[in-house]
Amino acid sequence: MSAPRHFDTDLLIQRRLRAARGVPADFLMAPVAEDLADRLALIHRQFKIIVDWASPTDAVRTMLAERGYTGIIGTETAAALAAARQRPVVVAPAEALPFRAGSLDLVVSGLGLHVVDDLPGAFIQIRRALKPDGLFLAAMLGGDTLTELRQSFAEAEAEVEGGLSPRVAPFADVRDVGQLLQRAGFALPVTDTDRLTVRYANVFALMHDLRAMGATNPLVDRRRTPLRRATLIRMAEIYQQRFADPDGRIRATFQIITLSGWSPHESQQKPLKPGSAKARLADALNAIELPAGDKAG
């Protein structure tokens, strides 16, 4: 059974093409690309065959190339988008990684996973495409992203239209991402999170940046009628009232989840079997160990 579709792929492509014709908004991609490169620099090994998977721009590839990494292959979801990307680039759906099993040393991704419908399936394909002891390293938007915009739209629509329409994509929770890595068969999975707060003169400046990133509402279940002017104005008022700083500028939260996992290999560390410890925890803590059921005096 195929995974349910949350995102309108054709609309995503159209909006990214529109964004590519304007001035890019790279205030998220630039620091994410640098952070991914910094994390790789801490791993003292060579990655010969690298795939930059689902990243919406070449920022990650460019940063890795500046750090001396070569053999980086990009991916893109449509030929029209691939025409503007660095070469080499492979055109394929984000959920279908077209690489031979056990052929890649590293798969890296920057801010593209949040619009992948079948994320569990994609993780499984990445793990299969990696060589034994190959690495998957990615950054994606987390559940607190644009929480202010979501709350403001929900309250405005309830007041003006008497109902809600999904207007901001659902984002994953950091705990769910860790569980997906484990389910996909990755060894030594690690996730961590950071929050970036960006300030704007008003909510319309925020929405301008979202359009410049091709990141406006791509949901299949979105309301198809145009947004009412009254709803938009009320949303802006609520946003200003609830999420403005004393100087009048509004806040927008972007949560970045960074995740990593290794393709299993016999050389990797493994957890000890229960009962195999050679030292007692009580001795290490200089504490008195009580039998089960006894209460401390």
C-alpha atoms as a PDB file:
ATOM      1  CA  MET A   1       0.000   0.000   0.000  1.00  0.00           C
ATOM      2  CA  SER A   2       1.409   3.383  -1.002  1.00  0.00           C
ATOM      3  CA  ALA A   3       1.924   6.135   1.565  1.00  0.00           C
ATOM      4  CA  PRO A   4      -0.747   8.851   1.696  1.00  0.00           C
ATOM      5  CA  ARG A   5       0.071  11.972  -0.289  1.00  0.00           C
ATOM      6  CA  HIS A   6       0.380  15.160   1.736  1.00  0.00           C
ATOM      7  CA  PHE A   7       2.179  17.300  -0.833  1.00  0.00           C
ATOM      8  CA  ASP A   8       1.194  18.395  -4.341  1.00  0.00           C
ATOM      9  CA  THR A   9       4.375  17.534  -6.264  1.00  0.00           C
ATOM     10  CA  ASP A  10       3.450  19.485  -9.395  1.00  0.00           C
ATOM     11  CA  LEU A  11       2.660  22.570  -7.325  1.00  0.00           C
ATOM     12  CA  LEU A  12       5.955  22.230  -5.456  1.00  0.00           C
ATOM     13  CA  ILE A  13       7.818  22.196  -8.768  1.00  0.00           C
ATOM     14  CA  GLN A  14       5.899  25.227 -10.070  1.00  0.00           C
ATOM     15  CA  ARG A  15       6.622  27.252  -6.949  1.00  0.00           C
ATOM     16  CA  ARG A  16      10.288  26.339  -6.898  1.00  0.00           C
ATOM     17  CA  LEU A  17      10.579  27.330 -10.567  1.00  0.00           C
ATOM     18  CA  ARG A  18       8.934  30.663  -9.767  1.00  0.00           C
ATOM     19  CA  ALA A  19      11.297  31.162  -6.823  1.00  0.00           C
ATOM     20  CA  ALA A  20      14.325  30.374  -9.014  1.00  0.00           C
ATOM     21  CA  ARG A  21      13.470  33.297 -11.291  1.00  0.00           C
ATOM     22  CA  GLY A  22      13.714  35.798  -8.429  1.00  0.00           C
ATOM     23  CA  VAL A  23      16.216  36.733  -5.737  1.00  0.00           C
ATOM     24  CA  PRO A  24      16.848  33.677  -3.544  1.00  0.00           C
ATOM     25  CA  ALA A  25      16.273  33.736   0.213  1.00  0.00           C
ATOM     26  CA  ASP A  26      19.172  31.671   1.548  1.00  0.00           C
ATOM     27  CA  PHE A  27      19.167  32.750   5.197  1.00  0.00           C
ATOM     28  CA  LEU A  28      18.290  29.159   6.204  1.00  0.00           C
ATOM     29  CA  MET A  29      20.247  27.165   3.628  1.00  0.00           C
ATOM     30  CA  ALA A  30      23.556  28.963   4.137  1.00  0.00           C
ATOM     31  CA  PRO A  31      23.965  28.191   7.867  1.00  0.00           C
ATOM     32  CA  VAL A  32      22.579  24.674   7.429  1.00  0.00           C
ATOM     33  CA  ALA A  33      25.083  23.904   4.657  1.00  0.00           C
ATOM     34  CA  GLU A  34      27.939  25.219   6.795  1.00  0.00           C
ATOM     35  CA  ASP A  35      26.800  23.184   9.810  1.00  0.00           C
ATOM     36  CA  LEU A  36      26.602  19.959   7.790  1.00  0.00           C
ATOM     37  CA  ALA A  37      30.099  20.577   6.421  1.00  0.00           C
ATOM     38  CA  ASP A  38      31.418  21.266   9.937  1.00  0.00           C
ATOM     39  CA  ARG A  39      29.930  18.003  11.211  1.00  0.00           C
ATOM     40  CA  LEU A  40      31.524  16.046   8.365  1.00  0.00           C
ATOM     41  CA  ALA A  41      34.884  17.638   9.138  1.00  0.00           C
ATOM     42  CA  LEU A  42      34.800  15.944  12.549  1.00  0.00           C
ATOM     43  CA  ILE A  43      34.617  12.512  10.868  1.00  0.00           C
ATOM     44  CA  HIS A  44      38.149  11.571   9.845  1.00  0.00           C
ATOM     45  CA  ARG A  45      37.507   9.428   6.813  1.00  0.00           C
ATOM     46  CA  GLN A  46      37.158   9.725   3.060  1.00  0.00           C
ATOM     47  CA  PHE A  47      33.811   9.712   1.274  1.00  0.00           C
ATOM     48  CA  LYS A  48      34.425   9.005  -2.390  1.00  0.00           C
ATOM     49  CA  ILE A  49      30.878   8.758  -3.767  1.00  0.00           C
ATOM     50  CA  ILE A  50      28.529  11.376  -2.294  1.00  0.00           C
ATOM     51  CA  VAL A  51      24.883  12.103  -3.096  1.00  0.00           C
ATOM     52  CA  ASP A  52      23.235  15.393  -2.152  1.00  0.00           C
ATOM     53  CA  TRP A  53      19.667  14.153  -1.858  1.00  0.00           C
ATOM     54  CA  ALA A  54      16.535  16.337  -2.001  1.00  0.00           C
ATOM     55  CA  SER A  55      18.299  19.615  -1.135  1.00  0.00           C
ATOM     56  CA  PRO A  56      16.360  22.429  -2.856  1.00  0.00           C
ATOM     57  CA  THR A  57      19.510  24.399  -3.806  1.00  0.00           C
ATOM     58  CA  ASP A  58      23.194  23.734  -4.462  1.00  0.00           C
ATOM     59  CA  ALA A  59      24.246  25.343  -1.171  1.00  0.00           C
ATOM     60  CA  VAL A  60      25.251  22.034   0.433  1.00  0.00           C
ATOM     61  CA  ARG A  61      27.191  20.849  -2.616  1.00  0.00           C
ATOM     62  CA  THR A  62      28.968  24.180  -2.928  1.00  0.00           C
ATOM     63  CA  MET A  63      29.978  24.209   0.736  1.00  0.00           C
ATOM     64  CA  LEU A  64      31.249  20.617   0.603  1.00  0.00           C
ATOM     65  CA  ALA A  65      33.211  21.354  -2.572  1.00  0.00           C
ATOM     66  CA  GLU A  66      34.854  24.329  -0.843  1.00  0.00           C
ATOM     67  CA  ARG A  67      35.900  21.974   1.959  1.00  0.00           C
ATOM     68  CA  GLY A  68      37.613  19.648  -0.536  1.00  0.00           C
ATOM     69  CA  TYR A  69      34.917  16.999  -1.075  1.00  0.00           C
ATOM     70  CA  THR A  70      34.658  15.685  -4.642  1.00  0.00           C
ATOM     71  CA  GLY A  71      32.456  13.210  -6.486  1.00  0.00           C
ATOM     72  CA  ILE A  72      29.226  14.856  -5.326  1.00  0.00           C
ATOM     73  CA  ILE A  73      26.088  13.888  -7.267  1.00  0.00           C
ATOM     74  CA  GLY A  74      22.984  16.055  -6.964  1.00  0.00           C
ATOM     75  CA  THR A  75      19.352  14.973  -7.259  1.00  0.00           C
ATOM     76  CA  GLU A  76      16.329  16.873  -8.477  1.00  0.00           C
ATOM     77  CA  THR A  77      12.639  16.071  -8.864  1.00  0.00           C
ATOM     78  CA  ALA A  78      12.073  17.597 -12.305  1.00  0.00           C
ATOM     79  CA  ALA A  79      14.129  18.199 -15.439  1.00  0.00           C
ATOM     80  CA  ALA A  80      13.144  21.873 -15.484  1.00  0.00           C
ATOM     81  CA  LEU A  81      14.617  22.320 -11.994  1.00  0.00           C
ATOM     82  CA  ALA A  82      17.693  20.230 -12.807  1.00  0.00           C
ATOM     83  CA  ALA A  83      18.575  22.545 -15.699  1.00  0.00           C
ATOM     84  CA  ALA A  84      19.594  25.243 -13.230  1.00  0.00           C
ATOM     85  CA  ARG A  85      21.559  22.933 -10.883  1.00  0.00           C
ATOM     86  CA  GLN A  86      25.216  21.978 -10.786  1.00  0.00           C
ATOM     87  CA  ARG A  87      26.299  18.927 -12.728  1.00  0.00           C
ATOM     88  CA  PRO A  88      26.146  16.005 -12.311  1.00  0.00           C
ATOM     89  CA  VAL A  89      22.503  15.824 -11.290  1.00  0.00           C
ATOM     90  CA  VAL A  90      20.072  12.889 -11.369  1.00  0.00           C
ATOM     91  CA  VAL A  91      16.353  13.532 -11.974  1.00  0.00           C
ATOM     92  CA  ALA A  92      14.128  11.287  -9.880  1.00  0.00           C
ATOM     93  CA  PRO A  93      11.272  11.540  -7.356  1.00  0.00           C
ATOM     94  CA  ALA A  94      12.494  12.279  -3.846  1.00  0.00           C
ATOM     95  CA  GLU A  95      10.975   9.001  -2.618  1.00  0.00           C
ATOM     96  CA  ALA A  96      12.795   6.898  -5.240  1.00  0.00           C
ATOM     97  CA  LEU A  97      16.580   6.906  -4.921  1.00  0.00           C
ATOM     98  CA  PRO A  98      17.903   5.571  -8.272  1.00  0.00           C
ATOM     99  CA  PHE A  99      21.223   4.202  -7.033  1.00  0.00           C
ATOM    100  CA  ARG A 100      22.505   0.630  -6.833  1.00  0.00           C
ATOM    101  CA  ALA A 101      22.439  -1.058  -3.444  1.00  0.00           C
ATOM    102  CA  GLY A 102      25.689  -0.648  -1.547  1.00  0.00           C
ATOM    103  CA  SER A 103      27.087   1.939  -3.963  1.00  0.00           C
ATOM    104  CA  LEU A 104      27.314   5.198  -1.952  1.00  0.00           C
ATOM    105  CA  ASP A 105      29.714   6.326   0.766  1.00  0.00           C
ATOM    106  CA  LEU A 106      27.697   9.332   1.946  1.00  0.00           C
ATOM    107  CA  VAL A 107      24.181  10.692   1.479  1.00  0.00           C
ATOM    108  CA  VAL A 108      23.704  14.275   2.669  1.00  0.00           C
ATOM    109  CA  SER A 109      20.571  16.418   2.562  1.00  0.00           C
ATOM    110  CA  GLY A 110      19.766  20.015   3.488  1.00  0.00           C
ATOM    111  CA  LEU A 111      16.196  21.167   4.173  1.00  0.00           C
ATOM    112  CA  GLY A 112      14.406  18.988   1.647  1.00  0.00           C
ATOM    113  CA  LEU A 113      13.017  16.125   3.727  1.00  0.00           C
ATOM    114  CA  HIS A 114       9.997  17.982   5.109  1.00  0.00           C
ATOM    115  CA  VAL A 115       8.223  17.765   1.721  1.00  0.00           C
ATOM    116  CA  VAL A 116       8.866  14.047   1.143  1.00  0.00           C
ATOM    117  CA  ASP A 117       5.624  12.080   1.424  1.00  0.00           C
ATOM    118  CA  ASP A 118       7.056   8.629   2.160  1.00  0.00           C
ATOM    119  CA  LEU A 119       9.872   9.518   4.529  1.00  0.00           C
ATOM    120  CA  PRO A 120      10.127   6.017   6.087  1.00  0.00           C
ATOM    121  CA  GLY A 121      10.429   4.482   2.618  1.00  0.00           C
ATOM    122  CA  ALA A 122      13.012   7.044   1.545  1.00  0.00           C
ATOM    123  CA  PHE A 123      15.122   6.346   4.637  1.00  0.00           C
ATOM    124  CA  ILE A 124      15.056   2.620   3.839  1.00  0.00           C
ATOM    125  CA  GLN A 125      16.189   3.280   0.272  1.00  0.00           C
ATOM    126  CA  ILE A 126      19.031   5.495   1.466  1.00  0.00           C
ATOM    127  CA  ARG A 127      20.228   2.847   3.911  1.00  0.00           C
ATOM    128  CA  ARG A 128      20.189   0.233   1.142  1.00  0.00           C
ATOM    129  CA  ALA A 129      22.062   2.502  -1.274  1.00  0.00           C
ATOM    130  CA  LEU A 130      24.861   3.106   1.245  1.00  0.00           C
ATOM    131  CA  LYS A 131      27.899   0.891   1.417  1.00  0.00           C
ATOM    132  CA  PRO A 132      28.447  -0.921   4.727  1.00  0.00           C
ATOM    133  CA  ASP A 133      29.602   1.748   7.222  1.00  0.00           C
ATOM    134  CA  GLY A 134      28.313   4.486   4.902  1.00  0.00           C
ATOM    135  CA  LEU A 135      26.859   7.648   6.431  1.00  0.00           C
ATOM    136  CA  PHE A 136      23.535   9.465   6.100  1.00  0.00           C
ATOM    137  CA  LEU A 137      23.645  13.066   7.351  1.00  0.00           C
ATOM    138  CA  ALA A 138      20.759  15.493   6.929  1.00  0.00           C
ATOM    139  CA  ALA A 139      19.042  18.593   8.256  1.00  0.00           C
ATOM    140  CA  MET A 140      15.300  19.098   8.053  1.00  0.00           C
ATOM    141  CA  LEU A 141      12.647  21.464   9.364  1.00  0.00           C
ATOM    142  CA  GLY A 142      11.058  20.351  12.631  1.00  0.00           C
ATOM    143  CA  GLY A 143       7.652  20.608  14.254  1.00  0.00           C
ATOM    144  CA  ASP A 144       8.041  24.056  15.789  1.00  0.00           C
ATOM    145  CA  THR A 145       8.799  25.680  12.437  1.00  0.00           C
ATOM    146  CA  LEU A 146       6.497  28.633  11.682  1.00  0.00           C
ATOM    147  CA  THR A 147       4.421  27.905  14.757  1.00  0.00           C
ATOM    148  CA  GLU A 148       3.527  31.608  15.004  1.00  0.00           C
ATOM    149  CA  LEU A 149       2.186  31.687  11.444  1.00  0.00           C
ATOM    150  CA  ARG A 150       0.170  28.513  11.944  1.00  0.00           C
ATOM    151  CA  GLN A 151      -1.424  29.780  15.146  1.00  0.00           C
ATOM    152  CA  SER A 152      -2.259  33.153  13.624  1.00  0.00           C
ATOM    153  CA  PHE A 153      -3.831  31.650  10.506  1.00  0.00           C
ATOM    154  CA  ALA A 154      -5.852  29.136  12.541  1.00  0.00           C
ATOM    155  CA  GLU A 155      -7.284  31.805  14.820  1.00  0.00           C
ATOM    156  CA  ALA A 156      -8.031  34.198  11.948  1.00  0.00           C
ATOM    157  CA  GLU A 157      -9.805  31.572   9.846  1.00  0.00           C
ATOM    158  CA  ALA A 158     -11.864  30.401  12.808  1.00  0.00           C
ATOM    159  CA  GLU A 159     -13.002  33.977  13.426  1.00  0.00           C
ATOM    160  CA  VAL A 160     -13.594  35.102   9.838  1.00  0.00           C
ATOM    161  CA  GLU A 161     -14.577  31.927   7.994  1.00  0.00           C
ATOM    162  CA  GLY A 162     -15.806  29.636  10.745  1.00  0.00           C
ATOM    163  CA  GLY A 163     -13.407  26.841   9.855  1.00  0.00           C
ATOM    164  CA  LEU A 164      -9.780  25.891   9.290  1.00  0.00           C
ATOM    165  CA  SER A 165      -7.747  25.078   6.188  1.00  0.00           C
ATOM    166  CA  PRO A 166      -4.242  23.537   6.343  1.00  0.00           C
ATOM    167  CA  ARG A 167      -1.896  26.318   5.236  1.00  0.00           C
ATOM    168  CA  VAL A 168       1.498  25.296   6.645  1.00  0.00           C
ATOM    169  CA  ALA A 169       3.083  21.913   5.950  1.00  0.00           C
ATOM    170  CA  PRO A 170       3.195  19.429   8.849  1.00  0.00           C
ATOM    171  CA  PHE A 171       6.726  19.086  10.210  1.00  0.00           C
ATOM    172  CA  ALA A 172       8.255  16.056  11.914  1.00  0.00           C
ATOM    173  CA  ASP A 173       9.007  15.758  15.623  1.00  0.00           C
ATOM    174  CA  VAL A 174      12.642  15.090  16.549  1.00  0.00           C
ATOM    175  CA  ARG A 175      11.676  11.888  18.431  1.00  0.00           C
ATOM    176  CA  ASP A 176       9.781  10.569  15.403  1.00  0.00           C
ATOM    177  CA  VAL A 177      12.798  11.170  13.165  1.00  0.00           C
ATOM    178  CA  GLY A 178      15.029   9.139  15.475  1.00  0.00           C
ATOM    179  CA  GLN A 179      12.541   6.276  15.468  1.00  0.00           C
ATOM    180  CA  LEU A 180      12.349   6.360  11.657  1.00  0.00           C
ATOM    181  CA  LEU A 181      16.134   6.022  11.428  1.00  0.00           C
ATOM    182  CA  GLN A 182      15.992   2.958  13.677  1.00  0.00           C
ATOM    183  CA  ARG A 183      13.113   1.414  11.733  1.00  0.00           C
ATOM    184  CA  ALA A 184      15.021   1.912   8.479  1.00  0.00           C
ATOM    185  CA  GLY A 185      17.908  -0.144   9.866  1.00  0.00           C
ATOM    186  CA  PHE A 186      20.469   2.582  10.530  1.00  0.00           C
ATOM    187  CA  ALA A 187      23.094   1.941  13.171  1.00  0.00           C
ATOM    188  CA  LEU A 188      24.135   4.549  15.748  1.00  0.00           C
ATOM    189  CA  PRO A 189      21.268   6.956  14.941  1.00  0.00           C
ATOM    190  CA  VAL A 190      21.627  10.467  16.346  1.00  0.00           C
ATOM    191  CA  THR A 191      19.254  13.439  16.228  1.00  0.00           C
ATOM    192  CA  ASP A 192      19.545  16.912  17.675  1.00  0.00           C
ATOM    193  CA  THR A 193      17.671  20.145  17.229  1.00  0.00           C
ATOM    194  CA  ASP A 194      18.253  23.878  17.145  1.00  0.00           C
ATOM    195  CA  ARG A 195      15.970  26.879  16.741  1.00  0.00           C
ATOM    196  CA  LEU A 196      16.568  29.891  14.550  1.00  0.00           C
ATOM    197  CA  THR A 197      14.444  32.965  15.248  1.00  0.00           C
ATOM    198  CA  VAL A 198      14.166  35.421  12.362  1.00  0.00           C
ATOM    199  CA  ARG A 199      12.636  38.863  12.849  1.00  0.00           C
ATOM    200  CA  TYR A 200      10.608  40.763  10.269  1.00  0.00           C
ATOM    201  CA  ALA A 201       9.009  44.176   9.965  1.00  0.00           C
ATOM    202  CA  ASN A 202       5.648  42.430   9.483  1.00  0.00           C
ATOM    203  CA  VAL A 203       4.124  39.112   8.475  1.00  0.00           C
ATOM    204  CA  PHE A 204       4.017  40.101   4.808  1.00  0.00           C
ATOM    205  CA  ALA A 205       7.826  40.323   4.754  1.00  0.00           C
ATOM    206  CA  LEU A 206       7.919  36.783   6.153  1.00  0.00           C
ATOM    207  CA  MET A 207       5.523  35.542   3.482  1.00  0.00           C
ATOM    208  CA  HIS A 208       7.686  37.234   0.822  1.00  0.00           C
ATOM    209  CA  ASP A 209      10.692  35.196   2.001  1.00  0.00           C
ATOM    210  CA  LEU A 210       8.648  31.989   1.985  1.00  0.00           C
ATOM    211  CA  ARG A 211       7.672  32.650  -1.641  1.00  0.00           C
ATOM    212  CA  ALA A 212      11.325  33.356  -2.475  1.00  0.00           C
ATOM    213  CA  MET A 213      12.176  29.890  -1.109  1.00  0.00           C
ATOM    214  CA  GLY A 214       9.319  28.230  -3.021  1.00  0.00           C
ATOM    215  CA  ALA A 215       7.983  27.262   0.401  1.00  0.00           C
ATOM    216  CA  THR A 216       4.390  28.470   0.316  1.00  0.00           C
ATOM    217  CA  ASN A 217       1.487  26.079   0.939  1.00  0.00           C
ATOM    218  CA  PRO A 218       2.053  22.838  -1.066  1.00  0.00           C
ATOM    219  CA  LEU A 219      -0.525  20.663   0.694  1.00  0.00           C
ATOM    220  CA  VAL A 220      -2.861  18.422  -1.261  1.00  0.00           C
ATOM    221  CA  ASP A 221      -5.686  19.182   1.214  1.00  0.00           C
ATOM    222  CA  ARG A 222      -5.292  22.954   0.998  1.00  0.00           C
ATOM    223  CA  ARG A 223      -8.380  25.062   0.391  1.00  0.00           C
ATOM    224  CA  ARG A 224      -8.610  25.705  -3.356  1.00  0.00           C
ATOM    225  CA  THR A 225     -10.473  29.018  -3.130  1.00  0.00           C
ATOM    226  CA  PRO A 226      -8.403  32.222  -2.899  1.00  0.00           C
ATOM    227  CA  LEU A 227      -7.482  33.463   0.558  1.00  0.00           C
ATOM    228  CA  ARG A 228      -9.967  36.091   1.725  1.00  0.00           C
ATOM    229  CA  ARG A 229      -8.560  39.549   2.192  1.00  0.00           C
ATOM    230  CA  ALA A 230     -10.366  39.835   5.547  1.00  0.00           C
ATOM    231  CA  THR A 231      -8.741  36.597   6.739  1.00  0.00           C
ATOM    232  CA  LEU A 232      -5.304  37.781   5.681  1.00  0.00           C
ATOM    233  CA  ILE A 233      -5.702  41.126   7.422  1.00  0.00           C
ATOM    234  CA  ARG A 234      -6.991  39.490  10.609  1.00  0.00           C
ATOM    235  CA  MET A 235      -4.121  36.986  10.551  1.00  0.00           C
ATOM    236  CA  ALA A 236      -1.611  39.865  10.307  1.00  0.00           C
ATOM    237  CA  GLU A 237      -3.282  41.607  13.246  1.00  0.00           C
ATOM    238  CA  ILE A 238      -3.166  38.481  15.428  1.00  0.00           C
ATOM    239  CA  TYR A 239       0.446  37.817  14.493  1.00  0.00           C
ATOM    240  CA  GLN A 240       1.413  41.390  15.419  1.00  0.00           C
ATOM    241  CA  GLN A 241      -0.476  41.260  18.722  1.00  0.00           C
ATOM    242  CA  ARG A 242       0.876  37.900  19.880  1.00  0.00           C
ATOM    243  CA  PHE A 243       4.352  37.570  18.385  1.00  0.00           C
ATOM    244  CA  ALA A 244       5.849  41.062  18.144  1.00  0.00           C
ATOM    245  CA  ASP A 245       8.816  42.321  20.152  1.00  0.00           C
ATOM    246  CA  PRO A 246       8.739  45.707  21.936  1.00  0.00           C
ATOM    247  CA  ASP A 247      10.247  47.373  18.853  1.00  0.00           C
ATOM    248  CA  GLY A 248       7.295  46.178  16.744  1.00  0.00           C
ATOM    249  CA  ARG A 249       9.153  43.559  14.715  1.00  0.00           C
ATOM    250  CA  ILE A 250       7.632  40.075  14.599  1.00  0.00           C
ATOM    251  CA  ARG A 251       9.336  36.747  15.297  1.00  0.00           C
ATOM    252  CA  ALA A 252       9.328  33.636  13.101  1.00  0.00           C
ATOM    253  CA  THR A 253      10.668  30.340  14.432  1.00  0.00           C
ATOM    254  CA  PHE A 254      12.492  27.778  12.286  1.00  0.00           C
ATOM    255  CA  GLN A 255      13.368  24.530  14.033  1.00  0.00           C
ATOM    256  CA  ILE A 256      16.252  22.630  12.431  1.00  0.00           C
ATOM    257  CA  ILE A 257      16.532  18.891  13.148  1.00  0.00           C
ATOM    258  CA  THR A 258      19.906  17.379  12.283  1.00  0.00           C
ATOM    259  CA  LEU A 259      20.039  13.598  11.942  1.00  0.00           C
ATOM    260  CA  SER A 260      22.638  10.989  11.167  1.00  0.00           C
ATOM    261  CA  GLY A 261      22.857   7.238  10.884  1.00  0.00           C
ATOM    262  CA  TRP A 262      25.315   4.659   9.603  1.00  0.00           C
ATOM    263  CA  SER A 263      24.755   1.685   7.366  1.00  0.00           C
ATOM    264  CA  PRO A 264      25.461  -1.326   9.620  1.00  0.00           C
ATOM    265  CA  HIS A 265      28.961  -2.811   9.647  1.00  0.00           C
ATOM    266  CA  GLU A 266      30.640  -5.339  11.936  1.00  0.00           C
ATOM    267  CA  SER A 267      33.317  -2.818  12.958  1.00  0.00           C
ATOM    268  CA  GLN A 268      30.806  -0.454  14.580  1.00  0.00           C
ATOM    269  CA  GLN A 269      30.238  -0.163  18.316  1.00  0.00           C
ATOM    270  CA  LYS A 270      27.441  -2.335  19.656  1.00  0.00           C
ATOM    271  CA  PRO A 271      25.529  -2.136  22.956  1.00  0.00           C
ATOM    272  CA  LEU A 272      26.550  -4.588  25.667  1.00  0.00           C
ATOM    273  CA  LYS A 273      24.306  -7.550  26.392  1.00  0.00           C
ATOM    274  CA  PRO A 274      22.208  -7.302  29.581  1.00  0.00           C
ATOM    275  CA  GLY A 275      24.140  -8.687  32.550  1.00  0.00           C
ATOM    276  CA  SER A 276      27.534  -8.424  30.864  1.00  0.00           C
ATOM    277  CA  ALA A 277      28.810  -5.474  32.928  1.00  0.00           C
ATOM    278  CA  LYS A 278      31.945  -6.197  34.981  1.00  0.00           C
ATOM    279  CA  ALA A 279      31.412  -3.405  37.543  1.00  0.00           C
ATOM    280  CA  ARG A 280      28.427  -2.566  39.736  1.00  0.00           C
ATOM    281  CA  LEU A 281      26.730   0.816  39.260  1.00  0.00           C
ATOM    282  CA  ALA A 282      26.400   1.183  43.047  1.00  0.00           C
ATOM    283  CA  ASP A 283      30.193   0.886  43.434  1.00  0.00           C
ATOM    284  CA  ALA A 284      30.774   3.525  40.744  1.00  0.00           C
ATOM    285  CA  LEU A 285      28.399   5.912  42.516  1.00  0.00           C
ATOM    286  CA  ASN A 286      29.721   5.047  45.994  1.00  0.00           C
ATOM    287  CA  ALA A 287      26.155   4.205  46.999  1.00  0.00           C
ATOM    288  CA  ILE A 288      24.456   1.426  48.977  1.00  0.00           C
ATOM    289  CA  GLU A 289      22.516  -1.038  46.829  1.00  0.00           C
ATOM    290  CA  LEU A 290      19.200  -2.168  48.354  1.00  0.00           C
ATOM    291  CA  PRO A 291      17.338  -5.373  47.456  1.00  0.00           C
ATOM    292  CA  ALA A 292      14.271  -4.922  45.295  1.00  0.00           C
ATOM    293  CA  GLY A 293      11.273  -3.796  47.369  1.00  0.00           C
ATOM    294  CA  ASP A 294      13.292  -2.378  50.276  1.00  0.00           C
ATOM    295  CA  LYS A 295      12.888   1.296  51.121  1.00  0.00           C
ATOM    296  CA  ALA A 296      15.741   3.580  51.974  1.00  0.00           C
ATOM    297  CA  GLY A 297      15.827   4.602  55.638  1.00  0.00           C
END
